[in-house]
Amino acid sequence: QNFVSLDYSFSLDHLADVYLRYRRLAEHWQRVLPLSVFNVDYEEMTA
């Protein structure tokens, strides 16, 4: 994607870093967050 401000997307290394931290934070929210959360998997949405 031709992002302008999402500058971590300009590098595959940085994208990998950000994704792994996103996944780590997702696991944390799943353990502690008191909000109602509904997971939408893209692959299921298309299938």
ModelCIF file with pLDDT and N, C-alpha, C, O atoms, coordinates in Angstrom:
data_MODEL
#
_entry.id   MODEL 
#
_entity.id                         1 
_entity.type                       polymer 
_entity.pdbx_number_of_molecules   1 
#
_entity_poly.entity_id                      1 
_entity_poly.type                           'polypeptide(L)' 
_entity_poly.nstd_linkage                   no 
_entity_poly.nstd_monomer                   no 
_entity_poly.pdbx_seq_one_letter_code       QNFVSLDYSFSLDHLADVYLRYRRLAEHWQRVLPLSVFNVDYEEMTA 
_entity_poly.pdbx_seq_one_letter_code_can   QNFVSLDYSFSLDHLADVYLRYRRLAEHWQRVLPLSVFNVDYEEMTA 
_entity_poly.pdbx_strand_id                 A 
#
loop_
_entity_poly_seq.entity_id 
_entity_poly_seq.num 
_entity_poly_seq.mon_id 
_entity_poly_seq.hetero 
1 1  GLN n 
1 2  ASN n 
1 3  PHE n 
1 4  VAL n 
1 5  SER n 
1 6  LEU n 
1 7  ASP n 
1 8  TYR n 
1 9  SER n 
1 10 PHE n 
1 11 SER n 
1 12 LEU n 
1 13 ASP n 
1 14 HIS n 
1 15 LEU n 
1 16 ALA n 
1 17 ASP n 
1 18 VAL n 
1 19 TYR n 
1 20 LEU n 
1 21 ARG n 
1 22 TYR n 
1 23 ARG n 
1 24 ARG n 
1 25 LEU n 
1 26 ALA n 
1 27 GLU n 
1 28 HIS n 
1 29 TRP n 
1 30 GLN n 
1 31 ARG n 
1 32 VAL n 
1 33 LEU n 
1 34 PRO n 
1 35 LEU n 
1 36 SER n 
1 37 VAL n 
1 38 PHE n 
1 39 ASN n 
1 40 VAL n 
1 41 ASP n 
1 42 TYR n 
1 43 GLU n 
1 44 GLU n 
1 45 MET n 
1 46 THR n 
1 47 ALA n 
#
_struct_asym.id          A 
_struct_asym.entity_id   1 
#
loop_
_ma_qa_metric.id 
_ma_qa_metric.mode 
_ma_qa_metric.name 
_ma_qa_metric.software_group_id 
_ma_qa_metric.type 
1 global pLDDT . pLDDT 
2 local  pLDDT . pLDDT 
#
_ma_qa_metric_global.metric_id      1 
_ma_qa_metric_global.metric_value   95.17 
_ma_qa_metric_global.model_id       1 
_ma_qa_metric_global.ordinal_id     1 
#
loop_
_ma_qa_metric_local.label_asym_id 
_ma_qa_metric_local.label_comp_id 
_ma_qa_metric_local.label_seq_id 
_ma_qa_metric_local.metric_id 
_ma_qa_metric_local.metric_value 
_ma_qa_metric_local.model_id 
_ma_qa_metric_local.ordinal_id 
A GLN 1  2 94.00 1 1  
A ASN 2  2 93.00 1 2  
A PHE 3  2 93.00 1 3  
A VAL 4  2 86.00 1 4  
A SER 5  2 85.00 1 5  
A LEU 6  2 93.00 1 6  
A ASP 7  2 94.00 1 7  
A TYR 8  2 97.00 1 8  
A SER 9  2 97.00 1 9  
A PHE 10 2 97.00 1 10 
A SER 11 2 96.00 1 11 
A LEU 12 2 97.00 1 12 
A ASP 13 2 96.00 1 13 
A HIS 14 2 97.00 1 14 
A LEU 15 2 97.00 1 15 
A ALA 16 2 97.00 1 16 
A ASP 17 2 97.00 1 17 
A VAL 18 2 97.00 1 18 
A TYR 19 2 97.00 1 19 
A LEU 20 2 97.00 1 20 
A ARG 21 2 98.00 1 21 
A TYR 22 2 98.00 1 22 
A ARG 23 2 97.00 1 23 
A ARG 24 2 98.00 1 24 
A LEU 25 2 98.00 1 25 
A ALA 26 2 97.00 1 26 
A GLU 27 2 97.00 1 27 
A HIS 28 2 98.00 1 28 
A TRP 29 2 98.00 1 29 
A GLN 30 2 96.00 1 30 
A ARG 31 2 96.00 1 31 
A VAL 32 2 97.00 1 32 
A LEU 33 2 97.00 1 33 
A PRO 34 2 96.00 1 34 
A LEU 35 2 95.00 1 35 
A SER 36 2 94.00 1 36 
A VAL 37 2 96.00 1 37 
A PHE 38 2 97.00 1 38 
A ASN 39 2 97.00 1 39 
A VAL 40 2 96.00 1 40 
A ASP 41 2 95.00 1 41 
A TYR 42 2 94.00 1 42 
A GLU 43 2 92.00 1 43 
A GLU 44 2 92.00 1 44 
A MET 45 2 91.00 1 45 
A THR 46 2 88.00 1 46 
A ALA 47 2 88.00 1 47 
#
loop_
_atom_site.group_PDB 
_atom_site.id 
_atom_site.type_symbol 
_atom_site.label_atom_id 
_atom_site.label_alt_id 
_atom_site.label_comp_id 
_atom_site.label_asym_id 
_atom_site.label_entity_id 
_atom_site.label_seq_id 
_atom_site.pdbx_PDB_ins_code 
_atom_site.Cartn_x 
_atom_site.Cartn_y 
_atom_site.Cartn_z 
_atom_site.occupancy 
_atom_site.B_iso_or_equiv 
_atom_site.pdbx_formal_charge 
_atom_site.auth_seq_id 
_atom_site.auth_comp_id 
_atom_site.auth_asym_id 
_atom_site.auth_atom_id 
_atom_site.pdbx_PDB_model_num 
ATOM 1   N N  . GLN A 1 1  ? 0.837   -1.198  0.000  1.00 94.00 ? 1  GLN A N  1 
ATOM 2   C CA . GLN A 1 1  ? 0.000   0.000   0.000  1.00 94.00 ? 1  GLN A CA 1 
ATOM 3   C C  . GLN A 1 1  ? 0.870   1.246   0.000  1.00 94.00 ? 1  GLN A C  1 
ATOM 4   O O  . GLN A 1 1  ? 1.920   1.288   0.642  1.00 94.00 ? 1  GLN A O  1 
ATOM 5   N N  . ASN A 1 2  ? 0.423   2.249   -0.721 1.00 93.00 ? 2  ASN A N  1 
ATOM 6   C CA . ASN A 1 2  ? 1.191   3.491   -0.821 1.00 93.00 ? 2  ASN A CA 1 
ATOM 7   C C  . ASN A 1 2  ? 0.868   4.393   0.371  1.00 93.00 ? 2  ASN A C  1 
ATOM 8   O O  . ASN A 1 2  ? 0.308   5.478   0.219  1.00 93.00 ? 2  ASN A O  1 
ATOM 9   N N  . PHE A 1 3  ? 1.238   3.912   1.563  1.00 93.00 ? 3  PHE A N  1 
ATOM 10  C CA . PHE A 1 3  ? 0.989   4.684   2.776  1.00 93.00 ? 3  PHE A CA 1 
ATOM 11  C C  . PHE A 1 3  ? 1.922   5.896   2.820  1.00 93.00 ? 3  PHE A C  1 
ATOM 12  O O  . PHE A 1 3  ? 3.048   5.847   2.324  1.00 93.00 ? 3  PHE A O  1 
ATOM 13  N N  . VAL A 1 4  ? 1.439   6.968   3.416  1.00 86.00 ? 4  VAL A N  1 
ATOM 14  C CA . VAL A 1 4  ? 2.248   8.169   3.585  1.00 86.00 ? 4  VAL A CA 1 
ATOM 15  C C  . VAL A 1 4  ? 2.813   8.232   5.001  1.00 86.00 ? 4  VAL A C  1 
ATOM 16  O O  . VAL A 1 4  ? 4.011   8.444   5.184  1.00 86.00 ? 4  VAL A O  1 
ATOM 17  N N  . SER A 1 5  ? 1.958   8.050   5.996  1.00 85.00 ? 5  SER A N  1 
ATOM 18  C CA . SER A 1 5  ? 2.383   8.244   7.384  1.00 85.00 ? 5  SER A CA 1 
ATOM 19  C C  . SER A 1 5  ? 2.661   6.943   8.135  1.00 85.00 ? 5  SER A C  1 
ATOM 20  O O  . SER A 1 5  ? 3.251   6.974   9.215  1.00 85.00 ? 5  SER A O  1 
ATOM 21  N N  . LEU A 1 6  ? 2.252   5.815   7.590  1.00 93.00 ? 6  LEU A N  1 
ATOM 22  C CA . LEU A 1 6  ? 2.468   4.535   8.272  1.00 93.00 ? 6  LEU A CA 1 
ATOM 23  C C  . LEU A 1 6  ? 3.874   4.037   7.914  1.00 93.00 ? 6  LEU A C  1 
ATOM 24  O O  . LEU A 1 6  ? 4.042   3.094   7.142  1.00 93.00 ? 6  LEU A O  1 
ATOM 25  N N  . ASP A 1 7  ? 4.880   4.705   8.503  1.00 94.00 ? 7  ASP A N  1 
ATOM 26  C CA . ASP A 1 7  ? 6.233   4.533   7.977  1.00 94.00 ? 7  ASP A CA 1 
ATOM 27  C C  . ASP A 1 7  ? 6.874   3.200   8.329  1.00 94.00 ? 7  ASP A C  1 
ATOM 28  O O  . ASP A 1 7  ? 7.889   2.848   7.728  1.00 94.00 ? 7  ASP A O  1 
ATOM 29  N N  . TYR A 1 8  ? 6.322   2.434   9.288  1.00 97.00 ? 8  TYR A N  1 
ATOM 30  C CA . TYR A 1 8  ? 6.888   1.107   9.520  1.00 97.00 ? 8  TYR A CA 1 
ATOM 31  C C  . TYR A 1 8  ? 6.589   0.169   8.357  1.00 97.00 ? 8  TYR A C  1 
ATOM 32  O O  . TYR A 1 8  ? 7.239   -0.866  8.210  1.00 97.00 ? 8  TYR A O  1 
ATOM 33  N N  . SER A 1 9  ? 5.602   0.527   7.528  1.00 97.00 ? 9  SER A N  1 
ATOM 34  C CA . SER A 1 9  ? 5.230   -0.340  6.411  1.00 97.00 ? 9  SER A CA 1 
ATOM 35  C C  . SER A 1 9  ? 6.208   -0.237  5.244  1.00 97.00 ? 9  SER A C  1 
ATOM 36  O O  . SER A 1 9  ? 6.080   -0.980  4.272  1.00 97.00 ? 9  SER A O  1 
ATOM 37  N N  . PHE A 1 10 ? 7.175   0.662   5.320  1.00 97.00 ? 10 PHE A N  1 
ATOM 38  C CA . PHE A 1 10 ? 8.136   0.824   4.231  1.00 97.00 ? 10 PHE A CA 1 
ATOM 39  C C  . PHE A 1 10 ? 9.219   -0.247  4.250  1.00 97.00 ? 10 PHE A C  1 
ATOM 40  O O  . PHE A 1 10 ? 10.012  -0.351  3.315  1.00 97.00 ? 10 PHE A O  1 
ATOM 41  N N  . SER A 1 11 ? 9.252   -1.054  5.328  1.00 96.00 ? 11 SER A N  1 
ATOM 42  C CA . SER A 1 11 ? 10.315  -2.046  5.510  1.00 96.00 ? 11 SER A CA 1 
ATOM 43  C C  . SER A 1 11 ? 9.717   -3.357  5.983  1.00 96.00 ? 11 SER A C  1 
ATOM 44  O O  . SER A 1 11 ? 8.895   -3.365  6.900  1.00 96.00 ? 11 SER A O  1 
ATOM 45  N N  . LEU A 1 12 ? 10.116  -4.470  5.370  1.00 97.00 ? 12 LEU A N  1 
ATOM 46  C CA . LEU A 1 12 ? 9.633   -5.783  5.802  1.00 97.00 ? 12 LEU A CA 1 
ATOM 47  C C  . LEU A 1 12 ? 10.103  -6.103  7.218  1.00 97.00 ? 12 LEU A C  1 
ATOM 48  O O  . LEU A 1 12 ? 9.372   -6.725  7.988  1.00 97.00 ? 12 LEU A O  1 
ATOM 49  N N  . ASP A 1 13 ? 11.315  -5.683  7.563  1.00 96.00 ? 13 ASP A N  1 
ATOM 50  C CA . ASP A 1 13 ? 11.822  -5.918  8.924  1.00 96.00 ? 13 ASP A CA 1 
ATOM 51  C C  . ASP A 1 13 ? 10.946  -5.210  9.955  1.00 96.00 ? 13 ASP A C  1 
ATOM 52  O O  . ASP A 1 13 ? 10.560  -5.803  10.963 1.00 96.00 ? 13 ASP A O  1 
ATOM 53  N N  . HIS A 1 14 ? 10.638  -3.951  9.701  1.00 97.00 ? 14 HIS A N  1 
ATOM 54  C CA . HIS A 1 14 ? 9.811   -3.189  10.638 1.00 97.00 ? 14 HIS A CA 1 
ATOM 55  C C  . HIS A 1 14 ? 8.393   -3.750  10.703 1.00 97.00 ? 14 HIS A C  1 
ATOM 56  O O  . HIS A 1 14 ? 7.789   -3.788  11.775 1.00 97.00 ? 14 HIS A O  1 
ATOM 57  N N  . LEU A 1 15 ? 7.867   -4.179  9.576  1.00 97.00 ? 15 LEU A N  1 
ATOM 58  C CA . LEU A 1 15 ? 6.539   -4.785  9.569  1.00 97.00 ? 15 LEU A CA 1 
ATOM 59  C C  . LEU A 1 15 ? 6.505   -6.033  10.450 1.00 97.00 ? 15 LEU A C  1 
ATOM 60  O O  . LEU A 1 15 ? 5.550   -6.253  11.195 1.00 97.00 ? 15 LEU A O  1 
ATOM 61  N N  . ALA A 1 16 ? 7.553   -6.839  10.356 1.00 97.00 ? 16 ALA A N  1 
ATOM 62  C CA . ALA A 1 16 ? 7.616   -8.045  11.187 1.00 97.00 ? 16 ALA A CA 1 
ATOM 63  C C  . ALA A 1 16 ? 7.656   -7.678  12.669 1.00 97.00 ? 16 ALA A C  1 
ATOM 64  O O  . ALA A 1 16 ? 6.976   -8.300  13.486 1.00 97.00 ? 16 ALA A O  1 
ATOM 65  N N  . ASP A 1 17 ? 8.461   -6.661  13.016 1.00 97.00 ? 17 ASP A N  1 
ATOM 66  C CA . ASP A 1 17 ? 8.538   -6.210  14.410 1.00 97.00 ? 17 ASP A CA 1 
ATOM 67  C C  . ASP A 1 17 ? 7.166   -5.778  14.920 1.00 97.00 ? 17 ASP A C  1 
ATOM 68  O O  . ASP A 1 17 ? 6.730   -6.193  15.994 1.00 97.00 ? 17 ASP A O  1 
ATOM 69  N N  . VAL A 1 18 ? 6.491   -4.936  14.133 1.00 97.00 ? 18 VAL A N  1 
ATOM 70  C CA . VAL A 1 18 ? 5.206   -4.377  14.553 1.00 97.00 ? 18 VAL A CA 1 
ATOM 71  C C  . VAL A 1 18 ? 4.158   -5.474  14.666 1.00 97.00 ? 18 VAL A C  1 
ATOM 72  O O  . VAL A 1 18 ? 3.352   -5.468  15.596 1.00 97.00 ? 18 VAL A O  1 
ATOM 73  N N  . TYR A 1 19 ? 4.162   -6.416  13.726 1.00 97.00 ? 19 TYR A N  1 
ATOM 74  C CA . TYR A 1 19 ? 3.152   -7.466  13.771 1.00 97.00 ? 19 TYR A CA 1 
ATOM 75  C C  . TYR A 1 19 ? 3.322   -8.344  15.016 1.00 97.00 ? 19 TYR A C  1 
ATOM 76  O O  . TYR A 1 19 ? 2.342   -8.680  15.681 1.00 97.00 ? 19 TYR A O  1 
ATOM 77  N N  . LEU A 1 20 ? 4.554   -8.708  15.323 1.00 97.00 ? 20 LEU A N  1 
ATOM 78  C CA . LEU A 1 20 ? 4.782   -9.568  16.494 1.00 97.00 ? 20 LEU A CA 1 
ATOM 79  C C  . LEU A 1 20 ? 4.377   -8.867  17.790 1.00 97.00 ? 20 LEU A C  1 
ATOM 80  O O  . LEU A 1 20 ? 3.865   -9.498  18.715 1.00 97.00 ? 20 LEU A O  1 
ATOM 81  N N  . ARG A 1 21 ? 4.613   -7.557  17.844 1.00 98.00 ? 21 ARG A N  1 
ATOM 82  C CA . ARG A 1 21 ? 4.198   -6.815  19.041 1.00 98.00 ? 21 ARG A CA 1 
ATOM 83  C C  . ARG A 1 21 ? 2.679   -6.668  19.085 1.00 98.00 ? 21 ARG A C  1 
ATOM 84  O O  . ARG A 1 21 ? 2.078   -6.710  20.158 1.00 98.00 ? 21 ARG A O  1 
ATOM 85  N N  . TYR A 1 22 ? 2.067   -6.498  17.927 1.00 98.00 ? 22 TYR A N  1 
ATOM 86  C CA . TYR A 1 22 ? 0.600   -6.463  17.859 1.00 98.00 ? 22 TYR A CA 1 
ATOM 87  C C  . TYR A 1 22 ? 0.020   -7.774  18.400 1.00 98.00 ? 22 TYR A C  1 
ATOM 88  O O  . TYR A 1 22 ? -0.939  -7.764  19.172 1.00 98.00 ? 22 TYR A O  1 
ATOM 89  N N  . ARG A 1 23 ? 0.602   -8.884  17.994 1.00 97.00 ? 23 ARG A N  1 
ATOM 90  C CA . ARG A 1 23 ? 0.097   -10.187 18.443 1.00 97.00 ? 23 ARG A CA 1 
ATOM 91  C C  . ARG A 1 23 ? 0.298   -10.356 19.958 1.00 97.00 ? 23 ARG A C  1 
ATOM 92  O O  . ARG A 1 23 ? -0.549  -10.919 20.652 1.00 97.00 ? 23 ARG A O  1 
ATOM 93  N N  . ARG A 1 24 ? 1.417   -9.864  20.441 1.00 98.00 ? 24 ARG A N  1 
ATOM 94  C CA . ARG A 1 24 ? 1.678   -9.935  21.890 1.00 98.00 ? 24 ARG A CA 1 
ATOM 95  C C  . ARG A 1 24 ? 0.647   -9.101  22.658 1.00 98.00 ? 24 ARG A C  1 
ATOM 96  O O  . ARG A 1 24 ? 0.145   -9.529  23.697 1.00 98.00 ? 24 ARG A O  1 
ATOM 97  N N  . LEU A 1 25 ? 0.335   -7.907  22.140 1.00 98.00 ? 25 LEU A N  1 
ATOM 98  C CA . LEU A 1 25 ? -0.652  -7.056  22.801 1.00 98.00 ? 25 LEU A CA 1 
ATOM 99  C C  . LEU A 1 25 ? -2.047  -7.679  22.707 1.00 98.00 ? 25 LEU A C  1 
ATOM 100 O O  . LEU A 1 25 ? -2.845  -7.567  23.637 1.00 98.00 ? 25 LEU A O  1 
ATOM 101 N N  . ALA A 1 26 ? -2.337  -8.337  21.576 1.00 97.00 ? 26 ALA A N  1 
ATOM 102 C CA . ALA A 1 26 ? -3.636  -9.009  21.425 1.00 97.00 ? 26 ALA A CA 1 
ATOM 103 C C  . ALA A 1 26 ? -3.820  -10.081 22.483 1.00 97.00 ? 26 ALA A C  1 
ATOM 104 O O  . ALA A 1 26 ? -4.900  -10.218 23.056 1.00 97.00 ? 26 ALA A O  1 
ATOM 105 N N  . GLU A 1 27 ? -2.774  -10.834 22.740 1.00 97.00 ? 27 GLU A N  1 
ATOM 106 C CA . GLU A 1 27 ? -2.845  -11.891 23.760 1.00 97.00 ? 27 GLU A CA 1 
ATOM 107 C C  . GLU A 1 27 ? -3.046  -11.281 25.149 1.00 97.00 ? 27 GLU A C  1 
ATOM 108 O O  . GLU A 1 27 ? -3.752  -11.839 25.989 1.00 97.00 ? 27 GLU A O  1 
ATOM 109 N N  . HIS A 1 28 ? -2.414  -10.129 25.374 1.00 98.00 ? 28 HIS A N  1 
ATOM 110 C CA . HIS A 1 28 ? -2.586  -9.441  26.656 1.00 98.00 ? 28 HIS A CA 1 
ATOM 111 C C  . HIS A 1 28 ? -4.027  -8.954  26.826 1.00 98.00 ? 28 HIS A C  1 
ATOM 112 O O  . HIS A 1 28 ? -4.638  -9.175  27.871 1.00 98.00 ? 28 HIS A O  1 
ATOM 113 N N  . TRP A 1 29 ? -4.575  -8.282  25.784 1.00 98.00 ? 29 TRP A N  1 
ATOM 114 C CA . TRP A 1 29 ? -5.955  -7.798  25.871 1.00 98.00 ? 29 TRP A CA 1 
ATOM 115 C C  . TRP A 1 29 ? -6.929  -8.960  26.109 1.00 98.00 ? 29 TRP A C  1 
ATOM 116 O O  . TRP A 1 29 ? -7.901  -8.832  26.853 1.00 98.00 ? 29 TRP A O  1 
ATOM 117 N N  . GLN A 1 30 ? -6.649  -10.071 25.474 1.00 96.00 ? 30 GLN A N  1 
ATOM 118 C CA . GLN A 1 30 ? -7.536  -11.229 25.629 1.00 96.00 ? 30 GLN A CA 1 
ATOM 119 C C  . GLN A 1 30 ? -7.583  -11.687 27.094 1.00 96.00 ? 30 GLN A C  1 
ATOM 120 O O  . GLN A 1 30 ? -8.610  -12.175 27.564 1.00 96.00 ? 30 GLN A O  1 
ATOM 121 N N  . ARG A 1 31 ? -6.479  -11.528 27.796 1.00 96.00 ? 31 ARG A N  1 
ATOM 122 C CA . ARG A 1 31 ? -6.412  -11.960 29.205 1.00 96.00 ? 31 ARG A CA 1 
ATOM 123 C C  . ARG A 1 31 ? -7.065  -10.952 30.149 1.00 96.00 ? 31 ARG A C  1 
ATOM 124 O O  . ARG A 1 31 ? -7.715  -11.347 31.116 1.00 96.00 ? 31 ARG A O  1 
ATOM 125 N N  . VAL A 1 32 ? -6.898  -9.641  29.878 1.00 97.00 ? 32 VAL A N  1 
ATOM 126 C CA . VAL A 1 32 ? -7.240  -8.655  30.917 1.00 97.00 ? 32 VAL A CA 1 
ATOM 127 C C  . VAL A 1 32 ? -8.376  -7.700  30.555 1.00 97.00 ? 32 VAL A C  1 
ATOM 128 O O  . VAL A 1 32 ? -8.973  -7.100  31.449 1.00 97.00 ? 32 VAL A O  1 
ATOM 129 N N  . LEU A 1 33 ? -8.691  -7.544  29.263 1.00 97.00 ? 33 LEU A N  1 
ATOM 130 C CA . LEU A 1 33 ? -9.610  -6.476  28.864 1.00 97.00 ? 33 LEU A CA 1 
ATOM 131 C C  . LEU A 1 33 ? -11.044 -6.779  29.294 1.00 97.00 ? 33 LEU A C  1 
ATOM 132 O O  . LEU A 1 33 ? -11.556 -7.858  28.997 1.00 97.00 ? 33 LEU A O  1 
ATOM 133 N N  . PRO A 1 34 ? -11.708 -5.838  29.996 1.00 96.00 ? 34 PRO A N  1 
ATOM 134 C CA . PRO A 1 34 ? -13.088 -6.088  30.424 1.00 96.00 ? 34 PRO A CA 1 
ATOM 135 C C  . PRO A 1 34 ? -14.134 -5.802  29.353 1.00 96.00 ? 34 PRO A C  1 
ATOM 136 O O  . PRO A 1 34 ? -15.321 -6.012  29.601 1.00 96.00 ? 34 PRO A O  1 
ATOM 137 N N  . LEU A 1 35 ? -13.742 -5.335  28.184 1.00 95.00 ? 35 LEU A N  1 
ATOM 138 C CA . LEU A 1 35 ? -14.688 -5.030  27.114 1.00 95.00 ? 35 LEU A CA 1 
ATOM 139 C C  . LEU A 1 35 ? -15.180 -6.291  26.407 1.00 95.00 ? 35 LEU A C  1 
ATOM 140 O O  . LEU A 1 35 ? -14.521 -7.331  26.434 1.00 95.00 ? 35 LEU A O  1 
ATOM 141 N N  . SER A 1 36 ? -16.351 -6.182  25.772 1.00 94.00 ? 36 SER A N  1 
ATOM 142 C CA . SER A 1 36 ? -16.859 -7.264  24.919 1.00 94.00 ? 36 SER A CA 1 
ATOM 143 C C  . SER A 1 36 ? -16.139 -7.207  23.577 1.00 94.00 ? 36 SER A C  1 
ATOM 144 O O  . SER A 1 36 ? -16.174 -6.183  22.894 1.00 94.00 ? 36 SER A O  1 
ATOM 145 N N  . VAL A 1 37 ? -15.484 -8.308  23.197 1.00 96.00 ? 37 VAL A N  1 
ATOM 146 C CA . VAL A 1 37 ? -14.690 -8.355  21.962 1.00 96.00 ? 37 VAL A CA 1 
ATOM 147 C C  . VAL A 1 37 ? -15.193 -9.493  21.081 1.00 96.00 ? 37 VAL A C  1 
ATOM 148 O O  . VAL A 1 37 ? -15.414 -10.611 21.548 1.00 96.00 ? 37 VAL A O  1 
ATOM 149 N N  . PHE A 1 38 ? -15.371 -9.182  19.783 1.00 97.00 ? 38 PHE A N  1 
ATOM 150 C CA . PHE A 1 38 ? -15.781 -10.182 18.797 1.00 97.00 ? 38 PHE A CA 1 
ATOM 151 C C  . PHE A 1 38 ? -14.678 -10.271 17.747 1.00 97.00 ? 38 PHE A C  1 
ATOM 152 O O  . PHE A 1 38 ? -14.326 -9.266  17.129 1.00 97.00 ? 38 PHE A O  1 
ATOM 153 N N  . ASN A 1 39 ? -14.134 -11.467 17.545 1.00 97.00 ? 39 ASN A N  1 
ATOM 154 C CA . ASN A 1 39 ? -13.056 -11.653 16.579 1.00 97.00 ? 39 ASN A CA 1 
ATOM 155 C C  . ASN A 1 39 ? -13.606 -11.969 15.197 1.00 97.00 ? 39 ASN A C  1 
ATOM 156 O O  . ASN A 1 39 ? -14.434 -12.865 15.034 1.00 97.00 ? 39 ASN A O  1 
ATOM 157 N N  . VAL A 1 40 ? -13.136 -11.221 14.204 1.00 96.00 ? 40 VAL A N  1 
ATOM 158 C CA . VAL A 1 40 ? -13.513 -11.451 12.812 1.00 96.00 ? 40 VAL A CA 1 
ATOM 159 C C  . VAL A 1 40 ? -12.276 -11.909 12.053 1.00 96.00 ? 40 VAL A C  1 
ATOM 160 O O  . VAL A 1 40 ? -11.344 -11.129 11.856 1.00 96.00 ? 40 VAL A O  1 
ATOM 161 N N  . ASP A 1 41 ? -12.262 -13.153 11.630 1.00 95.00 ? 41 ASP A N  1 
ATOM 162 C CA . ASP A 1 41 ? -11.155 -13.669 10.827 1.00 95.00 ? 41 ASP A CA 1 
ATOM 163 C C  . ASP A 1 41 ? -11.434 -13.430 9.354  1.00 95.00 ? 41 ASP A C  1 
ATOM 164 O O  . ASP A 1 41 ? -12.471 -13.838 8.829  1.00 95.00 ? 41 ASP A O  1 
ATOM 165 N N  . TYR A 1 42 ? -10.494 -12.761 8.692  1.00 94.00 ? 42 TYR A N  1 
ATOM 166 C CA . TYR A 1 42 ? -10.671 -12.388 7.288  1.00 94.00 ? 42 TYR A CA 1 
ATOM 167 C C  . TYR A 1 42 ? -10.965 -13.614 6.421  1.00 94.00 ? 42 TYR A C  1 
ATOM 168 O O  . TYR A 1 42 ? -11.791 -13.567 5.510  1.00 94.00 ? 42 TYR A O  1 
ATOM 169 N N  . GLU A 1 43 ? -10.277 -14.695 6.723  1.00 92.00 ? 43 GLU A N  1 
ATOM 170 C CA . GLU A 1 43 ? -10.441 -15.901 5.914  1.00 92.00 ? 43 GLU A CA 1 
ATOM 171 C C  . GLU A 1 43 ? -11.856 -16.466 6.057  1.00 92.00 ? 43 GLU A C  1 
ATOM 172 O O  . GLU A 1 43 ? -12.428 -16.963 5.087  1.00 92.00 ? 43 GLU A O  1 
ATOM 173 N N  . GLU A 1 44 ? -12.419 -16.392 7.262  1.00 92.00 ? 44 GLU A N  1 
ATOM 174 C CA . GLU A 1 44 ? -13.794 -16.850 7.441  1.00 92.00 ? 44 GLU A CA 1 
ATOM 175 C C  . GLU A 1 44 ? -14.771 -15.885 6.779  1.00 92.00 ? 44 GLU A C  1 
ATOM 176 O O  . GLU A 1 44 ? -15.775 -16.304 6.201  1.00 92.00 ? 44 GLU A O  1 
ATOM 177 N N  . MET A 1 45 ? -14.472 -14.593 6.866  1.00 91.00 ? 45 MET A N  1 
ATOM 178 C CA . MET A 1 45 ? -15.346 -13.598 6.244  1.00 91.00 ? 45 MET A CA 1 
ATOM 179 C C  . MET A 1 45 ? -15.476 -13.832 4.744  1.00 91.00 ? 45 MET A C  1 
ATOM 180 O O  . MET A 1 45 ? -16.555 -13.659 4.177  1.00 91.00 ? 45 MET A O  1 
ATOM 181 N N  . THR A 1 46 ? -14.383 -14.224 4.103  1.00 88.00 ? 46 THR A N  1 
ATOM 182 C CA . THR A 1 46 ? -14.426 -14.432 2.657  1.00 88.00 ? 46 THR A CA 1 
ATOM 183 C C  . THR A 1 46 ? -14.985 -15.801 2.284  1.00 88.00 ? 46 THR A C  1 
ATOM 184 O O  . THR A 1 46 ? -15.538 -15.973 1.198  1.00 88.00 ? 46 THR A O  1 
ATOM 185 N N  . ALA A 1 47 ? -14.841 -16.784 3.189  1.00 88.00 ? 47 ALA A N  1 
ATOM 186 C CA . ALA A 1 47 ? -15.308 -18.145 2.872  1.00 88.00 ? 47 ALA A CA 1 
ATOM 187 C C  . ALA A 1 47 ? -16.768 -18.353 3.240  1.00 88.00 ? 47 ALA A C  1 
ATOM 188 O O  . ALA A 1 47 ? -17.307 -19.441 3.036  1.00 88.00 ? 47 ALA A O  1 
#
